[in-house]
Amino acid sequence: MLFGWFDTAEVDRFASSLVDEVLHRLPPAQIGDSGKKTRERISRMTDVLSDQVRAFARAHRLNVYKRARLGNRVKWQLKGAGYPQAFVDAFTYEVVTLLTVARKG
């Protein structure tokens, strides 16, 4: 039972799928673009990914270690993909917040 507390295989897979989805929907080169089309893409991406994060949080019991691990994986994968630090921080904060709120709801 205690070892399940540290089993992060599902969390790691979900973090990778989340980053892959961000890469697909909003490549790093489009972050600086403030056009209407980019804003709409960001809005759609946010809606879809927020739903995915909430569904994952409801389907899995995520303790504090697993939530932190997921946030850390997302942060470093986005940073490694070339996203600006402000975007990485804001996106990671949003993911961890959604995980925490969905867990309580």
C-alpha atoms as a PDB file:
ATOM      1  CA  MET A   1       0.000   0.000   0.000  1.00  0.00           C
ATOM      2  CA  LEU A   2       2.798   2.415   0.851  1.00  0.00           C
ATOM      3  CA  PHE A   3       4.577   1.728  -2.438  1.00  0.00           C
ATOM      4  CA  GLY A   4       1.468   2.756  -4.378  1.00  0.00           C
ATOM      5  CA  TRP A   5       1.899   6.190  -2.856  1.00  0.00           C
ATOM      6  CA  PHE A   6       5.090   6.601  -4.896  1.00  0.00           C
ATOM      7  CA  ASP A   7       3.943   4.838  -8.087  1.00  0.00           C
ATOM      8  CA  THR A   8       3.927   7.633 -10.663  1.00  0.00           C
ATOM      9  CA  ALA A   9       3.758   5.714 -13.936  1.00  0.00           C
ATOM     10  CA  GLU A  10       0.235   6.948 -14.739  1.00  0.00           C
ATOM     11  CA  VAL A  11       1.103  10.486 -13.675  1.00  0.00           C
ATOM     12  CA  ASP A  12       4.187  10.496 -15.900  1.00  0.00           C
ATOM     13  CA  ARG A  13       2.194   9.240 -18.892  1.00  0.00           C
ATOM     14  CA  PHE A  14      -0.492  11.839 -18.334  1.00  0.00           C
ATOM     15  CA  ALA A  15       2.080  14.653 -18.015  1.00  0.00           C
ATOM     16  CA  SER A  16       3.664  13.593 -21.311  1.00  0.00           C
ATOM     17  CA  SER A  17       0.297  13.421 -23.053  1.00  0.00           C
ATOM     18  CA  LEU A  18      -0.604  16.863 -21.725  1.00  0.00           C
ATOM     19  CA  VAL A  19       2.624  18.383 -23.030  1.00  0.00           C
ATOM     20  CA  ASP A  20       2.200  16.606 -26.374  1.00  0.00           C
ATOM     21  CA  GLU A  21      -1.261  18.129 -26.651  1.00  0.00           C
ATOM     22  CA  VAL A  22       0.108  21.611 -25.897  1.00  0.00           C
ATOM     23  CA  LEU A  23       2.852  21.132 -28.495  1.00  0.00           C
ATOM     24  CA  HIS A  24       0.269  20.086 -31.057  1.00  0.00           C
ATOM     25  CA  ARG A  25      -2.252  22.833 -30.317  1.00  0.00           C
ATOM     26  CA  LEU A  26       0.144  25.710 -29.635  1.00  0.00           C
ATOM     27  CA  PRO A  27       3.756  25.357 -30.817  1.00  0.00           C
ATOM     28  CA  PRO A  28       6.286  27.480 -28.900  1.00  0.00           C
ATOM     29  CA  ALA A  29       6.787  29.781 -31.901  1.00  0.00           C
ATOM     30  CA  GLN A  30       3.152  30.925 -31.688  1.00  0.00           C
ATOM     31  CA  ILE A  31       3.306  32.060 -28.061  1.00  0.00           C
ATOM     32  CA  GLY A  32       4.380  35.626 -28.922  1.00  0.00           C
ATOM     33  CA  ASP A  33       1.640  36.036 -31.539  1.00  0.00           C
ATOM     34  CA  SER A  34      -1.235  38.094 -30.146  1.00  0.00           C
ATOM     35  CA  GLY A  35      -3.581  37.712 -33.102  1.00  0.00           C
ATOM     36  CA  LYS A  36      -7.224  36.741 -32.828  1.00  0.00           C
ATOM     37  CA  LYS A  37      -6.618  33.277 -34.262  1.00  0.00           C
ATOM     38  CA  THR A  38      -3.920  32.532 -31.673  1.00  0.00           C
ATOM     39  CA  ARG A  39      -6.122  33.761 -28.815  1.00  0.00           C
ATOM     40  CA  GLU A  40      -8.912  31.464 -30.016  1.00  0.00           C
ATOM     41  CA  ARG A  41      -6.505  28.514 -30.216  1.00  0.00           C
ATOM     42  CA  ILE A  42      -5.308  29.203 -26.678  1.00  0.00           C
ATOM     43  CA  SER A  43      -8.891  29.427 -25.438  1.00  0.00           C
ATOM     44  CA  ARG A  44      -9.884  26.116 -27.061  1.00  0.00           C
ATOM     45  CA  MET A  45      -6.698  24.463 -25.829  1.00  0.00           C
ATOM     46  CA  THR A  46      -7.352  25.683 -22.295  1.00  0.00           C
ATOM     47  CA  ASP A  47     -10.908  24.334 -22.328  1.00  0.00           C
ATOM     48  CA  VAL A  48      -9.907  20.908 -23.639  1.00  0.00           C
ATOM     49  CA  LEU A  49      -6.880  20.484 -21.394  1.00  0.00           C
ATOM     50  CA  SER A  50      -8.726  21.731 -18.309  1.00  0.00           C
ATOM     51  CA  ASP A  51     -11.374  19.080 -18.884  1.00  0.00           C
ATOM     52  CA  GLN A  52      -8.687  16.418 -19.299  1.00  0.00           C
ATOM     53  CA  VAL A  53      -6.896  17.456 -16.112  1.00  0.00           C
ATOM     54  CA  ARG A  54     -10.110  17.468 -14.073  1.00  0.00           C
ATOM     55  CA  ALA A  55     -11.127  14.062 -15.447  1.00  0.00           C
ATOM     56  CA  PHE A  56      -7.706  12.623 -14.627  1.00  0.00           C
ATOM     57  CA  ALA A  57      -7.846  14.029 -11.097  1.00  0.00           C
ATOM     58  CA  ARG A  58     -11.298  12.538 -10.516  1.00  0.00           C
ATOM     59  CA  ALA A  59     -10.289   9.134 -11.913  1.00  0.00           C
ATOM     60  CA  HIS A  60      -7.049   8.829  -9.916  1.00  0.00           C
ATOM     61  CA  ARG A  61      -6.291   9.371  -6.278  1.00  0.00           C
ATOM     62  CA  LEU A  62      -3.468  11.866  -6.466  1.00  0.00           C
ATOM     63  CA  ASN A  63      -1.635  12.458  -3.240  1.00  0.00           C
ATOM     64  CA  VAL A  64       0.541  15.515  -2.751  1.00  0.00           C
ATOM     65  CA  TYR A  65       3.602  13.720  -4.122  1.00  0.00           C
ATOM     66  CA  LYS A  66       1.848  12.708  -7.344  1.00  0.00           C
ATOM     67  CA  ARG A  67       0.403  16.194  -7.899  1.00  0.00           C
ATOM     68  CA  ALA A  68       3.839  17.716  -7.396  1.00  0.00           C
ATOM     69  CA  ARG A  69       5.405  15.130  -9.685  1.00  0.00           C
ATOM     70  CA  LEU A  70       2.872  15.843 -12.431  1.00  0.00           C
ATOM     71  CA  GLY A  71       3.433  19.592 -12.143  1.00  0.00           C
ATOM     72  CA  ASN A  72       7.198  19.154 -12.186  1.00  0.00           C
ATOM     73  CA  ARG A  73       7.114  16.890 -15.237  1.00  0.00           C
ATOM     74  CA  VAL A  74       4.864  19.280 -17.141  1.00  0.00           C
ATOM     75  CA  LYS A  75       7.043  22.248 -16.207  1.00  0.00           C
ATOM     76  CA  TRP A  76      10.331  20.718 -17.309  1.00  0.00           C
ATOM     77  CA  GLN A  77       8.936  19.195 -20.497  1.00  0.00           C
ATOM     78  CA  LEU A  78       7.430  22.525 -21.553  1.00  0.00           C
ATOM     79  CA  LYS A  79      10.659  24.314 -20.712  1.00  0.00           C
ATOM     80  CA  GLY A  80      12.641  21.738 -22.681  1.00  0.00           C
ATOM     81  CA  ALA A  81      10.329  22.219 -25.658  1.00  0.00           C
ATOM     82  CA  GLY A  82      11.242  25.898 -25.789  1.00  0.00           C
ATOM     83  CA  TYR A  83       8.226  27.617 -24.276  1.00  0.00           C
ATOM     84  CA  PRO A  84       8.832  30.987 -22.547  1.00  0.00           C
ATOM     85  CA  GLN A  85       9.264  30.842 -18.770  1.00  0.00           C
ATOM     86  CA  ALA A  86       6.142  32.949 -18.119  1.00  0.00           C
ATOM     87  CA  PHE A  87       3.990  30.512 -20.137  1.00  0.00           C
ATOM     88  CA  VAL A  88       5.574  27.489 -18.454  1.00  0.00           C
ATOM     89  CA  ASP A  89       4.964  28.894 -14.977  1.00  0.00           C
ATOM     90  CA  ALA A  90       1.376  29.955 -15.698  1.00  0.00           C
ATOM     91  CA  PHE A  91       0.454  26.662 -17.370  1.00  0.00           C
ATOM     92  CA  THR A  92       2.030  24.564 -14.614  1.00  0.00           C
ATOM     93  CA  TYR A  93       0.301  26.599 -11.914  1.00  0.00           C
ATOM     94  CA  GLU A  94      -3.036  26.135 -13.678  1.00  0.00           C
ATOM     95  CA  VAL A  95      -2.558  22.355 -13.978  1.00  0.00           C
ATOM     96  CA  VAL A  96      -1.653  21.885 -10.309  1.00  0.00           C
ATOM     97  CA  THR A  97      -4.512  24.148  -9.217  1.00  0.00           C
ATOM     98  CA  LEU A  98      -7.011  22.173 -11.319  1.00  0.00           C
ATOM     99  CA  LEU A  99      -5.707  18.898  -9.878  1.00  0.00           C
ATOM    100  CA  THR A 100      -6.120  20.184  -6.337  1.00  0.00           C
ATOM    101  CA  VAL A 101      -9.581  21.685  -6.872  1.00  0.00           C
ATOM    102  CA  ALA A 102     -10.890  18.632  -8.749  1.00  0.00           C
ATOM    103  CA  ARG A 103      -9.689  16.406  -5.930  1.00  0.00           C
ATOM    104  CA  LYS A 104     -11.743  18.331  -3.390  1.00  0.00           C
ATOM    105  CA  GLY A 105     -14.834  18.571  -5.603  1.00  0.00           C
END
